[in-house]
Amino acid sequence: MRMIKTIAASLVLLCSSTALAAVKGDYVEVRTASVFAGACHYNGELVTTGRDAILAWKITEGEHNGVNLAGVKAVAVVSSDANLSDDKATRKSEILIDGTDAQMSAWTAMLKEQSSAALGEIVSVKRGTVTFNHDKNGYTLDAAGFASAKVQAMPDGGCCKQPNLVWYEPLTKLTDRKVGYTATASYAGGKIGTKWDRANENSAFYGSFTR
């Protein structure tokens, strides 16, 4: 009986450890195409743009490979040779991580394990300062010299009222996905492409993620 209780206690501890290890946080993504739009607008952009995206994570809890990732902020810029809705398109990405060396290694390993299809070939990973704010006004992202974005909630909740006009899925799985209005977004240019700027379009996704 004592052995059974010991095994049961070990299983409880194991399950608790697994639950604590889950990585959670806030996420925002901006595309170079409207993700919520009328059919004509969507079709007009499908073959001409939408090949780039900014992905940003702010981790609030969790660990990977034994490393605590709470507090890490990371930005990835993805560039493709076709619209990002094309799963067969060739993709490349750059990543900037605000964290320790150990956190950078652990988060990069996690992205390679779980997001390789979304990110494609990761050509650069480096450390840097990332500002990621989420409040009632939306999301503000700034990675100086790399990428930035300001995303607001759609005031009329249009993406929920007309879900048939949401044409894409976010590149990170979200538990409460919403479409956002991109006030501004920019990529400074680098190893995967040239500088680009976008503004005033429904081109963002945001929500909470769990890995």
N, C-alpha and C. Protein backbone atom coordinates (compact mmCIF):
# COMPACT_ATOMS: atom_id res chain seq x y z
N MET A 1 0.83 -1.20 0.00
CA MET A 1 0.00 0.00 0.00
C MET A 1 0.87 1.26 0.00
N ARG A 2 1.97 1.21 0.81
CA ARG A 2 2.86 2.36 0.88
C ARG A 2 3.50 2.63 -0.48
N MET A 3 3.86 1.54 -1.20
CA MET A 3 4.47 1.70 -2.52
C MET A 3 3.48 2.34 -3.50
N ILE A 4 2.21 1.92 -3.44
CA ILE A 4 1.18 2.48 -4.32
C ILE A 4 1.03 3.97 -4.07
N LYS A 5 1.02 4.36 -2.77
CA LYS A 5 0.90 5.78 -2.43
C LYS A 5 2.10 6.57 -2.94
N THR A 6 3.28 5.97 -2.85
CA THR A 6 4.50 6.63 -3.31
C THR A 6 4.46 6.87 -4.82
N ILE A 7 4.01 5.83 -5.56
CA ILE A 7 3.89 5.95 -7.01
C ILE A 7 2.87 7.02 -7.38
N ALA A 8 1.74 7.01 -6.67
CA ALA A 8 0.69 8.00 -6.94
C ALA A 8 1.20 9.41 -6.69
N ALA A 9 1.94 9.58 -5.59
CA ALA A 9 2.49 10.91 -5.27
C ALA A 9 3.48 11.35 -6.34
N SER A 10 4.28 10.43 -6.85
CA SER A 10 5.25 10.75 -7.89
C SER A 10 4.56 11.19 -9.17
N LEU A 11 3.45 10.50 -9.50
CA LEU A 11 2.69 10.87 -10.69
C LEU A 11 2.11 12.27 -10.56
N VAL A 12 1.62 12.59 -9.36
CA VAL A 12 1.07 13.93 -9.12
C VAL A 12 2.15 14.98 -9.31
N LEU A 13 3.34 14.73 -8.76
CA LEU A 13 4.44 15.67 -8.90
C LEU A 13 4.86 15.82 -10.35
N LEU A 14 4.88 14.69 -11.08
CA LEU A 14 5.24 14.72 -12.49
C LEU A 14 4.27 15.56 -13.29
N CYS A 15 2.96 15.35 -13.05
CA CYS A 15 1.94 16.12 -13.75
C CYS A 15 2.03 17.59 -13.41
N SER A 16 2.31 17.89 -12.13
CA SER A 16 2.43 19.29 -11.71
C SER A 16 3.60 19.95 -12.39
N SER A 17 4.73 19.22 -12.48
CA SER A 17 5.92 19.77 -13.12
C SER A 17 5.66 20.05 -14.58
N THR A 18 4.94 19.10 -15.24
CA THR A 18 4.64 19.28 -16.66
C THR A 18 3.77 20.51 -16.88
N ALA A 19 2.77 20.70 -15.99
CA ALA A 19 1.88 21.85 -16.11
C ALA A 19 2.65 23.14 -15.93
N LEU A 20 3.56 23.17 -14.94
CA LEU A 20 4.34 24.37 -14.68
C LEU A 20 5.29 24.69 -15.82
N ALA A 21 5.69 23.65 -16.56
CA ALA A 21 6.66 23.85 -17.63
C ALA A 21 6.05 24.49 -18.87
N ALA A 22 4.72 24.48 -19.01
CA ALA A 22 4.09 25.05 -20.19
C ALA A 22 4.46 26.52 -20.34
N VAL A 23 4.82 26.90 -21.54
CA VAL A 23 5.22 28.28 -21.81
C VAL A 23 4.00 29.07 -22.27
N LYS A 24 3.72 30.18 -21.59
CA LYS A 24 2.54 30.98 -21.87
C LYS A 24 2.90 32.46 -21.98
N GLY A 25 2.03 33.21 -22.66
CA GLY A 25 2.26 34.64 -22.74
C GLY A 25 1.39 35.34 -23.77
N ASP A 26 1.76 36.55 -24.08
CA ASP A 26 1.06 37.38 -25.07
C ASP A 26 1.74 37.28 -26.42
N TYR A 27 0.94 37.46 -27.46
CA TYR A 27 1.46 37.34 -28.82
C TYR A 27 0.78 38.36 -29.73
N VAL A 28 1.55 38.93 -30.63
CA VAL A 28 0.99 39.81 -31.65
C VAL A 28 1.73 39.54 -32.97
N GLU A 29 1.00 39.59 -34.06
CA GLU A 29 1.56 39.31 -35.39
C GLU A 29 1.01 40.31 -36.39
N VAL A 30 1.89 40.84 -37.22
CA VAL A 30 1.47 41.78 -38.27
C VAL A 30 1.91 41.25 -39.62
N ARG A 31 0.98 41.19 -40.57
CA ARG A 31 1.26 40.75 -41.93
C ARG A 31 1.38 41.96 -42.87
N THR A 32 1.95 41.72 -44.03
CA THR A 32 1.98 42.76 -45.06
C THR A 32 0.81 42.58 -46.02
N ALA A 33 -0.32 42.18 -45.46
CA ALA A 33 -1.58 42.06 -46.21
C ALA A 33 -2.70 42.09 -45.19
N SER A 34 -3.85 42.54 -45.58
CA SER A 34 -5.00 42.57 -44.68
C SER A 34 -5.45 41.14 -44.38
N VAL A 35 -5.63 40.83 -43.12
CA VAL A 35 -6.12 39.50 -42.76
C VAL A 35 -7.64 39.49 -42.63
N PHE A 36 -8.23 40.68 -42.53
CA PHE A 36 -9.68 40.83 -42.48
C PHE A 36 -10.06 41.88 -43.52
N ALA A 37 -10.78 41.46 -44.56
CA ALA A 37 -11.09 42.37 -45.66
C ALA A 37 -12.17 41.75 -46.54
N GLY A 38 -12.69 42.56 -47.45
CA GLY A 38 -13.64 42.05 -48.43
C GLY A 38 -12.95 41.10 -49.40
N ALA A 39 -13.72 40.29 -50.08
CA ALA A 39 -13.16 39.27 -50.97
C ALA A 39 -12.30 39.86 -52.08
N CYS A 40 -12.73 40.96 -52.66
CA CYS A 40 -11.97 41.57 -53.76
C CYS A 40 -10.63 42.08 -53.27
N HIS A 41 -10.64 42.71 -52.09
CA HIS A 41 -9.40 43.21 -51.50
C HIS A 41 -8.44 42.05 -51.22
N TYR A 42 -8.96 40.98 -50.64
CA TYR A 42 -8.14 39.81 -50.34
C TYR A 42 -7.53 39.21 -51.60
N ASN A 43 -8.34 39.01 -52.63
CA ASN A 43 -7.84 38.42 -53.88
C ASN A 43 -6.82 39.32 -54.56
N GLY A 44 -6.98 40.63 -54.43
CA GLY A 44 -6.03 41.55 -55.04
C GLY A 44 -4.66 41.49 -54.39
N GLU A 45 -4.62 41.16 -53.09
CA GLU A 45 -3.34 41.08 -52.38
C GLU A 45 -2.72 39.69 -52.40
N LEU A 46 -3.51 38.68 -52.65
CA LEU A 46 -3.07 37.30 -52.47
C LEU A 46 -1.80 36.97 -53.25
N VAL A 47 -1.70 37.46 -54.48
CA VAL A 47 -0.54 37.11 -55.30
C VAL A 47 0.46 38.26 -55.44
N THR A 48 0.19 39.37 -54.76
CA THR A 48 1.08 40.53 -54.91
C THR A 48 1.82 40.90 -53.63
N THR A 49 1.28 40.53 -52.48
CA THR A 49 1.90 40.91 -51.21
C THR A 49 1.56 39.86 -50.15
N GLY A 50 1.70 40.22 -48.88
CA GLY A 50 1.44 39.24 -47.82
C GLY A 50 2.54 38.22 -47.66
N ARG A 51 3.75 38.58 -48.10
CA ARG A 51 4.87 37.63 -48.04
C ARG A 51 5.75 37.82 -46.81
N ASP A 52 5.43 38.80 -46.00
CA ASP A 52 6.25 39.11 -44.83
C ASP A 52 5.38 39.26 -43.59
N ALA A 53 6.00 39.04 -42.44
CA ALA A 53 5.27 39.18 -41.18
C ALA A 53 6.23 39.45 -40.04
N ILE A 54 5.71 40.17 -39.04
CA ILE A 54 6.41 40.35 -37.76
C ILE A 54 5.67 39.51 -36.72
N LEU A 55 6.40 38.69 -35.99
CA LEU A 55 5.83 37.87 -34.92
C LEU A 55 6.50 38.29 -33.62
N ALA A 56 5.72 38.52 -32.57
CA ALA A 56 6.32 38.93 -31.30
C ALA A 56 5.67 38.19 -30.14
N TRP A 57 6.50 37.75 -29.20
CA TRP A 57 6.05 37.01 -28.02
C TRP A 57 6.54 37.72 -26.75
N LYS A 58 5.69 37.75 -25.74
CA LYS A 58 6.10 38.18 -24.40
C LYS A 58 5.72 37.05 -23.46
N ILE A 59 6.72 36.34 -22.96
CA ILE A 59 6.49 35.15 -22.16
C ILE A 59 6.27 35.52 -20.70
N THR A 60 5.17 35.04 -20.14
CA THR A 60 4.85 35.36 -18.75
C THR A 60 5.18 34.22 -17.80
N GLU A 61 5.25 33.00 -18.30
CA GLU A 61 5.60 31.86 -17.44
C GLU A 61 6.00 30.67 -18.29
N GLY A 62 6.70 29.74 -17.65
CA GLY A 62 7.05 28.48 -18.31
C GLY A 62 8.54 28.30 -18.50
N GLU A 63 8.90 27.08 -18.91
CA GLU A 63 10.30 26.77 -19.11
C GLU A 63 10.47 25.81 -20.27
N HIS A 64 11.68 25.74 -20.79
CA HIS A 64 12.02 24.78 -21.84
C HIS A 64 13.46 24.34 -21.63
N ASN A 65 13.66 23.04 -21.74
CA ASN A 65 14.99 22.47 -21.50
C ASN A 65 15.55 22.88 -20.14
N GLY A 66 14.64 23.01 -19.16
CA GLY A 66 15.07 23.34 -17.81
C GLY A 66 15.38 24.80 -17.58
N VAL A 67 15.12 25.65 -18.56
CA VAL A 67 15.41 27.08 -18.44
C VAL A 67 14.11 27.85 -18.25
N ASN A 68 14.04 28.67 -17.23
CA ASN A 68 12.88 29.51 -16.97
C ASN A 68 12.82 30.62 -18.01
N LEU A 69 11.71 30.70 -18.76
CA LEU A 69 11.60 31.67 -19.85
C LEU A 69 10.75 32.88 -19.48
N ALA A 70 10.24 32.94 -18.25
CA ALA A 70 9.41 34.08 -17.84
C ALA A 70 10.17 35.39 -18.01
N GLY A 71 9.53 36.36 -18.64
CA GLY A 71 10.16 37.66 -18.86
C GLY A 71 10.81 37.82 -20.21
N VAL A 72 10.98 36.73 -20.94
CA VAL A 72 11.59 36.82 -22.27
C VAL A 72 10.65 37.53 -23.24
N LYS A 73 11.22 38.41 -24.06
CA LYS A 73 10.49 39.04 -25.15
C LYS A 73 11.26 38.74 -26.43
N ALA A 74 10.55 38.36 -27.47
CA ALA A 74 11.21 37.97 -28.71
C ALA A 74 10.44 38.45 -29.92
N VAL A 75 11.18 38.77 -30.97
CA VAL A 75 10.59 39.22 -32.24
C VAL A 75 11.21 38.43 -33.37
N ALA A 76 10.37 37.94 -34.26
CA ALA A 76 10.84 37.27 -35.47
C ALA A 76 10.24 37.98 -36.68
N VAL A 77 11.03 38.17 -37.69
CA VAL A 77 10.53 38.68 -38.97
C VAL A 77 10.68 37.56 -39.99
N VAL A 78 9.59 37.25 -40.65
CA VAL A 78 9.55 36.16 -41.62
C VAL A 78 9.35 36.73 -43.01
N SER A 79 10.07 36.20 -43.98
CA SER A 79 9.91 36.60 -45.37
C SER A 79 9.79 35.35 -46.24
N SER A 80 8.87 35.38 -47.19
CA SER A 80 8.58 34.22 -48.03
C SER A 80 8.64 34.62 -49.50
N ASP A 81 8.77 33.62 -50.38
CA ASP A 81 8.77 33.92 -51.81
C ASP A 81 7.35 33.88 -52.39
N ALA A 82 6.35 33.71 -51.52
CA ALA A 82 4.94 33.77 -51.93
C ALA A 82 4.13 34.17 -50.71
N ASN A 83 2.86 34.42 -50.90
CA ASN A 83 2.00 34.76 -49.77
C ASN A 83 2.14 33.72 -48.66
N LEU A 84 2.15 34.18 -47.43
CA LEU A 84 2.37 33.28 -46.30
C LEU A 84 1.27 32.24 -46.11
N SER A 85 0.20 32.35 -46.85
CA SER A 85 -0.83 31.31 -46.81
C SER A 85 -0.41 30.07 -47.60
N ASP A 86 0.63 30.20 -48.40
CA ASP A 86 1.14 29.09 -49.21
C ASP A 86 2.11 28.26 -48.37
N ASP A 87 1.69 27.10 -47.93
CA ASP A 87 2.52 26.26 -47.07
C ASP A 87 3.79 25.76 -47.76
N LYS A 88 3.79 25.77 -49.09
CA LYS A 88 4.94 25.26 -49.83
C LYS A 88 5.97 26.34 -50.15
N ALA A 89 5.65 27.58 -49.83
CA ALA A 89 6.56 28.68 -50.13
C ALA A 89 7.83 28.58 -49.27
N THR A 90 8.94 29.02 -49.83
CA THR A 90 10.20 29.03 -49.12
C THR A 90 10.25 30.23 -48.18
N ARG A 91 10.56 29.98 -46.92
CA ARG A 91 10.57 31.05 -45.91
C ARG A 91 11.94 31.17 -45.25
N LYS A 92 12.26 32.38 -44.86
CA LYS A 92 13.44 32.65 -44.06
C LYS A 92 13.05 33.61 -42.94
N SER A 93 13.80 33.57 -41.85
CA SER A 93 13.46 34.44 -40.73
C SER A 93 14.69 34.90 -39.97
N GLU A 94 14.51 36.05 -39.31
CA GLU A 94 15.50 36.59 -38.37
C GLU A 94 14.82 36.71 -37.02
N ILE A 95 15.56 36.47 -35.95
CA ILE A 95 14.98 36.52 -34.61
C ILE A 95 15.83 37.39 -33.71
N LEU A 96 15.17 38.24 -32.93
CA LEU A 96 15.82 39.06 -31.91
C LEU A 96 15.19 38.70 -30.57
N ILE A 97 16.02 38.39 -29.57
CA ILE A 97 15.53 37.92 -28.27
C ILE A 97 16.08 38.79 -27.15
N ASP A 98 15.17 39.24 -26.29
CA ASP A 98 15.54 40.01 -25.11
C ASP A 98 15.51 39.05 -23.92
N GLY A 99 16.69 38.58 -23.53
CA GLY A 99 16.80 37.62 -22.44
C GLY A 99 18.26 37.25 -22.23
N THR A 100 18.51 36.31 -21.34
CA THR A 100 19.87 35.87 -21.08
C THR A 100 20.34 34.93 -22.20
N ASP A 101 21.60 34.59 -22.17
CA ASP A 101 22.13 33.64 -23.16
C ASP A 101 21.40 32.30 -23.06
N ALA A 102 21.16 31.85 -21.83
CA ALA A 102 20.48 30.56 -21.64
C ALA A 102 19.05 30.64 -22.15
N GLN A 103 18.36 31.74 -21.89
CA GLN A 103 17.00 31.91 -22.37
C GLN A 103 16.95 31.99 -23.90
N MET A 104 17.93 32.67 -24.48
CA MET A 104 17.98 32.76 -25.94
C MET A 104 18.14 31.38 -26.56
N SER A 105 19.01 30.57 -25.99
CA SER A 105 19.23 29.22 -26.52
C SER A 105 17.98 28.36 -26.37
N ALA A 106 17.33 28.45 -25.19
CA ALA A 106 16.15 27.63 -24.94
C ALA A 106 14.98 28.04 -25.82
N TRP A 107 14.73 29.34 -25.96
CA TRP A 107 13.61 29.80 -26.79
C TRP A 107 13.86 29.50 -28.26
N THR A 108 15.09 29.66 -28.71
CA THR A 108 15.42 29.34 -30.10
C THR A 108 15.19 27.85 -30.36
N ALA A 109 15.61 27.01 -29.43
CA ALA A 109 15.40 25.56 -29.57
C ALA A 109 13.92 25.25 -29.65
N MET A 110 13.12 25.92 -28.84
CA MET A 110 11.68 25.68 -28.82
C MET A 110 11.04 26.09 -30.14
N LEU A 111 11.47 27.24 -30.67
CA LEU A 111 10.94 27.69 -31.95
C LEU A 111 11.30 26.71 -33.07
N LYS A 112 12.52 26.21 -33.05
CA LYS A 112 12.93 25.26 -34.08
C LYS A 112 12.13 23.96 -33.99
N GLU A 113 11.80 23.55 -32.76
CA GLU A 113 11.04 22.32 -32.57
C GLU A 113 9.58 22.46 -32.96
N GLN A 114 8.99 23.62 -32.65
CA GLN A 114 7.55 23.77 -32.76
C GLN A 114 7.08 24.72 -33.85
N SER A 115 7.97 25.56 -34.37
CA SER A 115 7.53 26.58 -35.35
C SER A 115 8.37 26.59 -36.62
N SER A 116 8.98 25.46 -36.94
CA SER A 116 9.87 25.43 -38.10
C SER A 116 9.11 25.71 -39.40
N ALA A 117 7.88 25.23 -39.50
CA ALA A 117 7.10 25.45 -40.72
C ALA A 117 6.77 26.93 -40.89
N ALA A 118 6.45 27.59 -39.81
CA ALA A 118 6.10 29.01 -39.88
C ALA A 118 7.31 29.89 -40.15
N LEU A 119 8.45 29.56 -39.54
CA LEU A 119 9.63 30.41 -39.63
C LEU A 119 10.54 30.06 -40.80
N GLY A 120 10.49 28.82 -41.27
CA GLY A 120 11.39 28.41 -42.32
C GLY A 120 12.84 28.37 -41.84
N GLU A 121 13.76 28.74 -42.70
CA GLU A 121 15.18 28.75 -42.34
C GLU A 121 15.47 29.97 -41.45
N ILE A 122 15.95 29.70 -40.26
CA ILE A 122 16.33 30.80 -39.35
C ILE A 122 17.76 31.20 -39.69
N VAL A 123 17.93 32.37 -40.28
CA VAL A 123 19.25 32.77 -40.76
C VAL A 123 20.02 33.61 -39.75
N SER A 124 19.32 34.13 -38.74
CA SER A 124 20.00 34.97 -37.76
C SER A 124 19.24 34.95 -36.44
N VAL A 125 19.97 34.75 -35.34
CA VAL A 125 19.42 34.86 -33.99
C VAL A 125 20.39 35.72 -33.18
N LYS A 126 19.88 36.78 -32.59
CA LYS A 126 20.74 37.64 -31.78
C LYS A 126 19.97 38.21 -30.60
N ARG A 127 20.72 38.69 -29.62
CA ARG A 127 20.12 39.33 -28.46
C ARG A 127 19.99 40.82 -28.69
N GLY A 128 18.97 41.39 -28.06
CA GLY A 128 18.75 42.83 -28.17
C GLY A 128 17.63 43.26 -27.25
N THR A 129 17.39 44.54 -27.18
CA THR A 129 16.34 45.08 -26.32
C THR A 129 15.01 45.11 -27.07
N VAL A 130 13.98 44.54 -26.46
CA VAL A 130 12.64 44.52 -27.04
C VAL A 130 11.66 45.12 -26.04
N THR A 131 10.88 46.08 -26.50
CA THR A 131 9.80 46.63 -25.70
C THR A 131 8.49 46.06 -26.21
N PHE A 132 7.75 45.42 -25.33
CA PHE A 132 6.47 44.79 -25.69
C PHE A 132 5.46 45.19 -24.63
N ASN A 133 4.55 46.09 -24.97
CA ASN A 133 3.53 46.54 -24.03
C ASN A 133 2.15 46.13 -24.51
N HIS A 134 1.35 45.63 -23.58
CA HIS A 134 -0.04 45.26 -23.87
C HIS A 134 -0.92 45.90 -22.82
N ASP A 135 -1.81 46.79 -23.24
CA ASP A 135 -2.74 47.43 -22.32
C ASP A 135 -4.09 47.59 -23.01
N LYS A 136 -4.98 48.36 -22.41
CA LYS A 136 -6.33 48.50 -22.95
C LYS A 136 -6.35 49.15 -24.34
N ASN A 137 -5.26 49.83 -24.69
CA ASN A 137 -5.20 50.48 -26.00
C ASN A 137 -4.64 49.58 -27.10
N GLY A 138 -4.12 48.41 -26.71
CA GLY A 138 -3.60 47.49 -27.70
C GLY A 138 -2.18 47.06 -27.40
N TYR A 139 -1.40 46.88 -28.44
CA TYR A 139 -0.04 46.39 -28.34
C TYR A 139 0.94 47.38 -28.95
N THR A 140 2.04 47.60 -28.26
CA THR A 140 3.13 48.41 -28.80
C THR A 140 4.40 47.58 -28.75
N LEU A 141 5.02 47.43 -29.89
CA LEU A 141 6.24 46.64 -30.02
C LEU A 141 7.35 47.50 -30.59
N ASP A 142 8.54 47.39 -29.98
CA ASP A 142 9.68 48.11 -30.53
C ASP A 142 10.96 47.34 -30.26
N ALA A 143 11.63 46.97 -31.32
CA ALA A 143 12.95 46.37 -31.25
C ALA A 143 13.84 47.28 -32.10
N ALA A 144 14.48 48.22 -31.45
CA ALA A 144 15.20 49.30 -32.14
C ALA A 144 16.15 48.77 -33.20
N GLY A 145 16.03 49.33 -34.38
CA GLY A 145 16.90 48.93 -35.48
C GLY A 145 16.52 47.64 -36.13
N PHE A 146 15.37 47.07 -35.73
CA PHE A 146 14.96 45.78 -36.29
C PHE A 146 13.51 45.82 -36.76
N ALA A 147 12.56 45.96 -35.82
CA ALA A 147 11.14 45.95 -36.19
C ALA A 147 10.33 46.68 -35.13
N SER A 148 9.17 47.18 -35.55
CA SER A 148 8.27 47.84 -34.61
C SER A 148 6.83 47.71 -35.10
N ALA A 149 5.88 47.90 -34.17
CA ALA A 149 4.47 47.82 -34.56
C ALA A 149 3.59 48.43 -33.47
N LYS A 150 2.47 48.98 -33.91
CA LYS A 150 1.42 49.44 -33.00
C LYS A 150 0.11 48.84 -33.49
N VAL A 151 -0.51 48.02 -32.66
CA VAL A 151 -1.72 47.29 -33.03
C VAL A 151 -2.83 47.60 -32.05
N GLN A 152 -4.01 47.88 -32.57
CA GLN A 152 -5.17 48.18 -31.74
C GLN A 152 -6.28 47.17 -32.00
N ALA A 153 -7.15 47.02 -31.03
CA ALA A 153 -8.32 46.17 -31.24
C ALA A 153 -9.25 46.83 -32.24
N MET A 154 -9.94 46.02 -33.04
CA MET A 154 -10.94 46.57 -33.95
C MET A 154 -12.12 47.05 -33.13
N PRO A 155 -12.47 48.33 -33.20
CA PRO A 155 -13.48 48.89 -32.30
C PRO A 155 -14.86 48.26 -32.42
N ASP A 156 -15.21 47.77 -33.60
CA ASP A 156 -16.55 47.20 -33.79
C ASP A 156 -16.59 45.68 -33.70
N GLY A 157 -15.45 45.07 -33.37
CA GLY A 157 -15.41 43.61 -33.28
C GLY A 157 -15.77 42.93 -34.58
N GLY A 158 -15.39 43.54 -35.68
CA GLY A 158 -15.79 43.04 -37.00
C GLY A 158 -15.36 41.63 -37.30
N CYS A 159 -14.19 41.23 -36.78
CA CYS A 159 -13.69 39.88 -37.08
C CYS A 159 -14.56 38.81 -36.42
N CYS A 160 -15.23 39.19 -35.35
CA CYS A 160 -16.13 38.23 -34.69
C CYS A 160 -17.52 38.24 -35.32
N LYS A 161 -17.96 39.39 -35.78
CA LYS A 161 -19.27 39.51 -36.40
C LYS A 161 -19.29 38.92 -37.81
N GLN A 162 -18.15 39.00 -38.50
CA GLN A 162 -18.05 38.49 -39.87
C GLN A 162 -16.82 37.59 -40.01
N PRO A 163 -16.81 36.45 -39.37
CA PRO A 163 -15.63 35.58 -39.41
C PRO A 163 -15.30 35.08 -40.80
N ASN A 164 -16.25 35.11 -41.71
CA ASN A 164 -16.00 34.66 -43.08
C ASN A 164 -15.06 35.60 -43.82
N LEU A 165 -14.82 36.80 -43.28
CA LEU A 165 -13.92 37.76 -43.92
C LEU A 165 -12.51 37.75 -43.31
N VAL A 166 -12.26 36.75 -42.42
CA VAL A 166 -10.90 36.54 -41.91
C VAL A 166 -10.26 35.46 -42.79
N TRP A 167 -9.26 35.85 -43.58
CA TRP A 167 -8.76 34.99 -44.65
C TRP A 167 -7.56 34.12 -44.26
N TYR A 168 -6.92 34.43 -43.16
CA TYR A 168 -5.70 33.70 -42.79
C TYR A 168 -5.79 33.19 -41.36
N GLU A 169 -4.81 32.39 -41.00
CA GLU A 169 -4.64 31.93 -39.62
C GLU A 169 -3.31 32.47 -39.11
N PRO A 170 -3.22 32.82 -37.83
CA PRO A 170 -1.94 33.30 -37.29
C PRO A 170 -0.86 32.22 -37.38
N LEU A 171 0.38 32.65 -37.43
CA LEU A 171 1.50 31.72 -37.57
C LEU A 171 1.86 31.05 -36.24
N THR A 172 1.27 31.52 -35.16
CA THR A 172 1.36 30.87 -33.85
C THR A 172 -0.05 30.54 -33.40
N LYS A 173 -0.27 29.34 -32.90
CA LYS A 173 -1.60 28.94 -32.45
C LYS A 173 -1.99 29.74 -31.21
N LEU A 174 -3.17 30.36 -31.26
CA LEU A 174 -3.64 31.19 -30.15
C LEU A 174 -4.91 30.61 -29.55
N THR A 175 -5.10 30.85 -28.25
CA THR A 175 -6.28 30.33 -27.57
C THR A 175 -7.46 31.27 -27.71
N ASP A 176 -7.21 32.55 -27.98
CA ASP A 176 -8.30 33.52 -28.05
C ASP A 176 -8.02 34.52 -29.18
N ARG A 177 -7.79 34.00 -30.35
CA ARG A 177 -7.36 34.80 -31.49
C ARG A 177 -8.33 35.94 -31.83
N LYS A 178 -7.75 37.13 -32.01
CA LYS A 178 -8.50 38.29 -32.46
C LYS A 178 -7.76 38.93 -33.63
N VAL A 179 -8.50 39.65 -34.47
CA VAL A 179 -7.88 40.44 -35.54
C VAL A 179 -7.66 41.85 -35.03
N GLY A 180 -6.49 42.41 -35.34
CA GLY A 180 -6.17 43.75 -34.89
C GLY A 180 -5.98 44.72 -36.03
N TYR A 181 -6.14 45.99 -35.70
CA TYR A 181 -5.91 47.09 -36.65
C TYR A 181 -4.47 47.56 -36.48
N THR A 182 -3.71 47.51 -37.57
CA THR A 182 -2.31 47.93 -37.54
C THR A 182 -2.22 49.42 -37.83
N ALA A 183 -1.86 50.19 -36.79
CA ALA A 183 -1.66 51.63 -36.99
C ALA A 183 -0.36 51.86 -37.75
N THR A 184 0.70 51.19 -37.30
CA THR A 184 1.99 51.24 -37.99
C THR A 184 2.72 49.93 -37.78
N ALA A 185 3.56 49.57 -38.73
CA ALA A 185 4.44 48.41 -38.59
C ALA A 185 5.61 48.60 -39.54
N SER A 186 6.79 48.18 -39.11
CA SER A 186 7.95 48.36 -39.98
C SER A 186 9.03 47.33 -39.67
N TYR A 187 9.77 47.01 -40.69
CA TYR A 187 10.95 46.15 -40.60
C TYR A 187 12.11 46.96 -41.16
N ALA A 188 13.21 47.02 -40.43
CA ALA A 188 14.31 47.90 -40.82
C ALA A 188 15.17 47.35 -41.94
N GLY A 189 14.90 46.11 -42.35
CA GLY A 189 15.73 45.49 -43.38
C GLY A 189 16.90 44.75 -42.75
N GLY A 190 17.35 43.72 -43.44
CA GLY A 190 18.44 42.93 -42.87
C GLY A 190 18.78 41.74 -43.72
N LYS A 191 18.99 40.61 -43.08
CA LYS A 191 19.49 39.42 -43.77
C LYS A 191 18.44 38.73 -44.63
N ILE A 192 17.16 39.00 -44.41
CA ILE A 192 16.13 38.30 -45.18
C ILE A 192 15.38 39.20 -46.15
N GLY A 193 15.69 40.48 -46.16
CA GLY A 193 14.96 41.34 -47.09
C GLY A 193 15.23 42.81 -46.86
N THR A 194 14.55 43.64 -47.64
CA THR A 194 14.72 45.07 -47.56
C THR A 194 13.66 45.68 -46.63
N LYS A 195 13.88 46.93 -46.28
CA LYS A 195 13.00 47.65 -45.36
C LYS A 195 11.57 47.70 -45.93
N TRP A 196 10.58 47.57 -45.02
CA TRP A 196 9.20 47.79 -45.42
C TRP A 196 8.43 48.46 -44.30
N ASP A 197 7.38 49.17 -44.68
CA ASP A 197 6.50 49.86 -43.74
C ASP A 197 5.05 49.60 -44.15
N ARG A 198 4.19 49.43 -43.16
CA ARG A 198 2.76 49.27 -43.39
C ARG A 198 2.01 50.13 -42.39
N ALA A 199 0.78 50.53 -42.74
CA ALA A 199 0.00 51.34 -41.82
C ALA A 199 -1.48 51.31 -42.20
N ASN A 200 -2.31 51.49 -41.17
CA ASN A 200 -3.74 51.71 -41.34
C ASN A 200 -4.44 50.58 -42.11
N GLU A 201 -4.31 49.36 -41.58
CA GLU A 201 -4.99 48.23 -42.20
C GLU A 201 -5.26 47.15 -41.15
N ASN A 202 -6.24 46.31 -41.43
CA ASN A 202 -6.59 45.20 -40.52
C ASN A 202 -5.69 44.01 -40.82
N SER A 203 -4.42 44.13 -40.45
CA SER A 203 -3.42 43.14 -40.87
C SER A 203 -2.77 42.41 -39.71
N ALA A 204 -3.37 42.46 -38.52
CA ALA A 204 -2.73 41.87 -37.35
C ALA A 204 -3.59 40.80 -36.70
N PHE A 205 -2.92 39.90 -36.01
CA PHE A 205 -3.54 38.94 -35.09
C PHE A 205 -2.95 39.17 -33.71
N TYR A 206 -3.75 38.89 -32.69
CA TYR A 206 -3.20 38.95 -31.33
C TYR A 206 -3.98 38.01 -30.42
N GLY A 207 -3.36 37.70 -29.27
CA GLY A 207 -4.00 36.81 -28.32
C GLY A 207 -3.00 36.20 -27.37
N SER A 208 -3.41 35.14 -26.70
CA SER A 208 -2.55 34.42 -25.76
C SER A 208 -2.10 33.10 -26.38
N PHE A 209 -0.88 32.69 -26.07
CA PHE A 209 -0.36 31.43 -26.60
C PHE A 209 0.05 30.53 -25.45
N THR A 210 0.00 29.24 -25.70
CA THR A 210 0.50 28.23 -24.76
C THR A 210 1.25 27.21 -25.56
N ARG A 211 2.47 26.90 -25.15
CA ARG A 211 3.26 25.90 -25.85
C ARG A 211 3.63 24.77 -24.89
